[in-house]
Amino acid sequence: FLYCHEDRATALSTGQRMFGTFGVTNAHLLWTREAYPTRAYQTLGNLAPKPGTQERRTARPGGAPEGIAIGDPDDIVDAIKRWESIGVDGLNFILNAQETIPQHEVLDSLRLFATEVMPKFATGSGQAGAR
């Protein structure tokens, strides 16, 4: 997930709303697999954690779940560096879920990400993120 905003509180409010919407939708789809298992979607044996049973670790107090790129540019740099530290060399982000965030805000988030975050991961080839 990616939502970048200059104001951390705004980023968390908007980004976590998107993250939560995705989670609710995904939870419904997870159990649909159980009702209608196919060769493409095997049963998961009801292994999904029960609500409230998972420990929720955050990168910073009051922040997004650990490893999620939601916050101000510094939060996002920290999240990406954590992934990089374990050998990840490329990321794909979910930018919106069920149109939770208005398109102009998604674009503003991407612009801020491009100007404030990507340059911190530039390589010698002159392209940010190229590896």
Protein backbone atom coordinates (compact mmCIF):
# COMPACT_ATOMS: atom_id res chain seq x y z
CA PHE A 1 0.00 0.00 0.00
CA LEU A 2 1.17 3.54 -0.70
CA TYR A 3 -0.23 6.83 0.45
CA CYS A 4 2.16 9.73 0.90
CA HIS A 5 1.20 13.15 2.29
CA GLU A 6 3.24 16.00 3.80
CA ASP A 7 1.10 15.85 6.94
CA ARG A 8 1.57 12.53 8.72
CA ALA A 9 -1.85 12.62 10.44
CA THR A 10 -3.60 13.20 7.11
CA ALA A 11 -1.58 10.43 5.48
CA LEU A 12 -2.44 7.98 8.23
CA SER A 13 -6.13 8.88 8.24
CA THR A 14 -6.51 8.55 4.47
CA GLY A 15 -4.09 5.67 3.96
CA GLN A 16 -5.40 3.53 6.79
CA ARG A 17 -8.96 4.04 5.54
CA MET A 18 -7.81 2.60 2.18
CA PHE A 19 -5.86 -0.21 3.91
CA GLY A 20 -8.93 -1.08 6.01
CA THR A 21 -11.28 -1.07 3.02
CA PHE A 22 -8.98 -3.47 1.21
CA GLY A 23 -8.83 -5.71 4.28
CA VAL A 24 -12.61 -5.92 4.62
CA THR A 25 -13.03 -6.71 0.92
CA ASN A 26 -10.27 -9.30 1.04
CA ALA A 27 -11.81 -10.95 4.09
CA HIS A 28 -15.06 -11.46 2.19
CA LEU A 29 -13.21 -12.96 -0.75
CA LEU A 30 -11.15 -15.22 1.49
CA TRP A 31 -14.25 -16.94 2.85
CA THR A 32 -15.78 -17.17 -0.63
CA ARG A 33 -12.91 -19.54 -1.41
CA GLU A 34 -14.14 -21.75 1.39
CA ALA A 35 -17.72 -21.80 0.12
CA TYR A 36 -16.75 -22.37 -3.52
CA PRO A 37 -13.28 -23.98 -3.69
CA THR A 38 -11.95 -24.61 -7.19
CA ARG A 39 -8.67 -25.87 -8.59
CA ALA A 40 -7.69 -22.22 -9.11
CA TYR A 41 -8.55 -21.23 -5.54
CA GLN A 42 -7.86 -24.10 -3.19
CA THR A 43 -9.37 -24.17 0.26
CA LEU A 44 -7.31 -22.41 2.90
CA GLY A 45 -8.65 -24.60 5.67
CA ASN A 46 -10.11 -21.60 7.49
CA LEU A 47 -6.61 -20.48 8.42
CA ALA A 48 -7.38 -16.77 8.41
CA PRO A 49 -6.64 -15.24 11.81
CA LYS A 50 -9.63 -14.37 13.92
CA PRO A 51 -10.22 -10.61 14.31
CA GLY A 52 -8.12 -9.09 17.06
CA THR A 53 -5.79 -12.09 17.41
CA GLN A 54 -2.85 -10.72 15.45
CA GLU A 55 -0.35 -8.46 17.10
CA ARG A 56 -0.26 -5.16 15.21
CA ARG A 57 3.30 -3.86 15.09
CA THR A 58 3.91 -0.37 13.81
CA ALA A 59 7.06 1.23 12.51
CA ARG A 60 6.39 4.29 14.67
CA PRO A 61 3.93 4.76 17.53
CA GLY A 62 0.49 5.50 16.12
CA GLY A 63 1.68 4.75 12.61
CA ALA A 64 0.72 2.36 9.85
CA PRO A 65 1.41 -1.36 10.30
CA GLU A 66 5.07 -2.26 9.97
CA GLY A 67 6.20 -2.46 6.34
CA ILE A 68 3.26 -0.50 4.94
CA ALA A 69 4.14 2.66 3.00
CA ILE A 70 1.56 5.00 4.48
CA GLY A 71 2.66 8.27 6.07
CA ASP A 72 4.83 11.26 5.39
CA PRO A 73 7.86 10.91 3.11
CA ASP A 74 10.13 9.97 6.04
CA ASP A 75 7.74 7.19 7.14
CA ILE A 76 7.73 5.80 3.63
CA VAL A 77 11.51 5.95 3.27
CA ASP A 78 11.75 4.01 6.57
CA ALA A 79 9.27 1.37 5.36
CA ILE A 80 11.09 0.90 2.06
CA LYS A 81 14.49 0.72 3.78
CA ARG A 82 13.13 -2.03 6.00
CA TRP A 83 12.12 -4.05 2.94
CA GLU A 84 15.47 -3.25 1.30
CA SER A 85 17.32 -4.48 4.41
CA ILE A 86 15.98 -8.00 3.89
CA GLY A 87 16.89 -8.10 0.21
CA VAL A 88 13.80 -6.75 -1.54
CA ASP A 89 14.90 -4.85 -4.63
CA GLY A 90 11.56 -3.92 -6.18
CA LEU A 91 8.09 -3.04 -4.92
CA ASN A 92 4.60 -2.79 -6.36
CA PHE A 93 2.10 -0.68 -4.45
CA ILE A 94 -1.65 -0.68 -4.12
CA LEU A 95 -2.57 2.98 -4.60
CA ASN A 96 -6.29 2.82 -3.95
CA ALA A 97 -8.95 0.32 -2.89
CA GLN A 98 -12.50 0.54 -4.18
CA GLU A 99 -11.94 4.20 -5.02
CA THR A 100 -11.58 5.07 -1.35
CA ILE A 101 -9.27 7.96 -2.17
CA PRO A 102 -10.25 10.63 -4.74
CA GLN A 103 -8.09 10.44 -7.86
CA HIS A 104 -6.54 13.91 -7.39
CA GLU A 105 -5.31 12.83 -3.94
CA VAL A 106 -3.83 9.62 -5.36
CA LEU A 107 -1.98 11.69 -7.95
CA ASP A 108 -0.78 14.17 -5.30
CA SER A 109 0.51 11.21 -3.26
CA LEU A 110 2.40 9.85 -6.27
CA ARG A 111 3.93 13.24 -7.06
CA LEU A 112 5.15 13.64 -3.48
CA PHE A 113 6.50 10.08 -3.54
CA ALA A 114 8.34 10.83 -6.80
CA THR A 115 9.91 14.06 -5.55
CA GLU A 116 10.66 13.22 -1.90
CA VAL A 117 11.04 9.43 -1.65
CA MET A 118 12.29 8.03 -4.96
CA PRO A 119 15.46 10.16 -5.09
CA LYS A 120 16.61 8.54 -1.84
CA PHE A 121 16.76 5.21 -3.68
CA ALA A 122 18.41 6.40 -6.90
CA THR A 123 21.07 4.14 -8.32
CA GLY A 124 24.22 4.90 -10.24
CA SER A 125 22.32 4.51 -13.53
CA GLY A 126 20.55 7.80 -12.89
CA GLN A 127 17.15 6.11 -12.57
CA ALA A 128 15.41 5.85 -9.21
CA GLY A 129 14.63 2.28 -8.31
CA ALA A 130 16.42 0.72 -11.33
CA ARG A 131 18.37 -2.31 -10.20
